[in-house]
Amino acid sequence: MPIIFDYLGLLLAALALALVLFIGLRKIQIL
C-alpha cells in the first residue's frame, strides 16, 4: 500500500471530524 492511501485516509478522517464539529456548533447556536 502506497503512503498516499494513508495520507488520504487521515485527510478524510479530519474532514469528517470537522464536519461533525461544524454541525454540532450550528446545533448549539440554533438551541
C-alpha atoms as a PDB file:
ATOM      1  CA  MET A   1       0.000   0.000   0.000  1.00  0.00           C
ATOM      2  CA  PRO A   2       1.427   3.376  -1.003  1.00  0.00           C
ATOM      3  CA  ILE A   3       1.767   6.033   1.671  1.00  0.00           C
ATOM      4  CA  ILE A   4      -0.681   8.220  -0.264  1.00  0.00           C
ATOM      5  CA  PHE A   5      -3.552   5.974   0.865  1.00  0.00           C
ATOM      6  CA  ASP A   6      -2.558   6.549   4.488  1.00  0.00           C
ATOM      7  CA  TYR A   7      -2.482  10.305   3.919  1.00  0.00           C
ATOM      8  CA  LEU A   8      -5.832  10.240   2.116  1.00  0.00           C
ATOM      9  CA  GLY A   9      -7.427   8.281   4.960  1.00  0.00           C
ATOM     10  CA  LEU A  10      -6.095  10.741   7.524  1.00  0.00           C
ATOM     11  CA  LEU A  11      -7.350  13.692   5.489  1.00  0.00           C
ATOM     12  CA  LEU A  12     -10.778  12.068   5.147  1.00  0.00           C
ATOM     13  CA  ALA A  13     -10.968  11.413   8.891  1.00  0.00           C
ATOM     14  CA  ALA A  14     -10.025  15.031   9.641  1.00  0.00           C
ATOM     15  CA  LEU A  15     -12.653  16.279   7.196  1.00  0.00           C
ATOM     16  CA  ALA A  16     -15.347  14.092   8.765  1.00  0.00           C
ATOM     17  CA  LEU A  17     -14.381  15.300  12.244  1.00  0.00           C
ATOM     18  CA  ALA A  18     -14.505  18.936  11.118  1.00  0.00           C
ATOM     19  CA  LEU A  19     -17.945  18.351   9.592  1.00  0.00           C
ATOM     20  CA  VAL A  20     -19.260  16.799  12.817  1.00  0.00           C
ATOM     21  CA  LEU A  21     -17.876  19.672  14.890  1.00  0.00           C
ATOM     22  CA  PHE A  22     -19.352  22.229  12.473  1.00  0.00           C
ATOM     23  CA  ILE A  23     -22.810  20.634  12.617  1.00  0.00           C
ATOM     24  CA  GLY A  24     -22.558  20.382  16.417  1.00  0.00           C
ATOM     25  CA  LEU A  25     -21.700  24.063  16.738  1.00  0.00           C
ATOM     26  CA  ARG A  26     -24.581  25.045  14.458  1.00  0.00           C
ATOM     27  CA  LYS A  27     -26.999  22.953  16.537  1.00  0.00           C
ATOM     28  CA  ILE A  28     -25.771  24.646  19.713  1.00  0.00           C
ATOM     29  CA  GLN A  29     -26.267  28.063  18.107  1.00  0.00           C
ATOM     30  CA  ILE A  30     -29.782  27.130  16.996  1.00  0.00           C
ATOM     31  CA  LEU A  31     -30.624  25.969  20.517  1.00  0.00           C
END
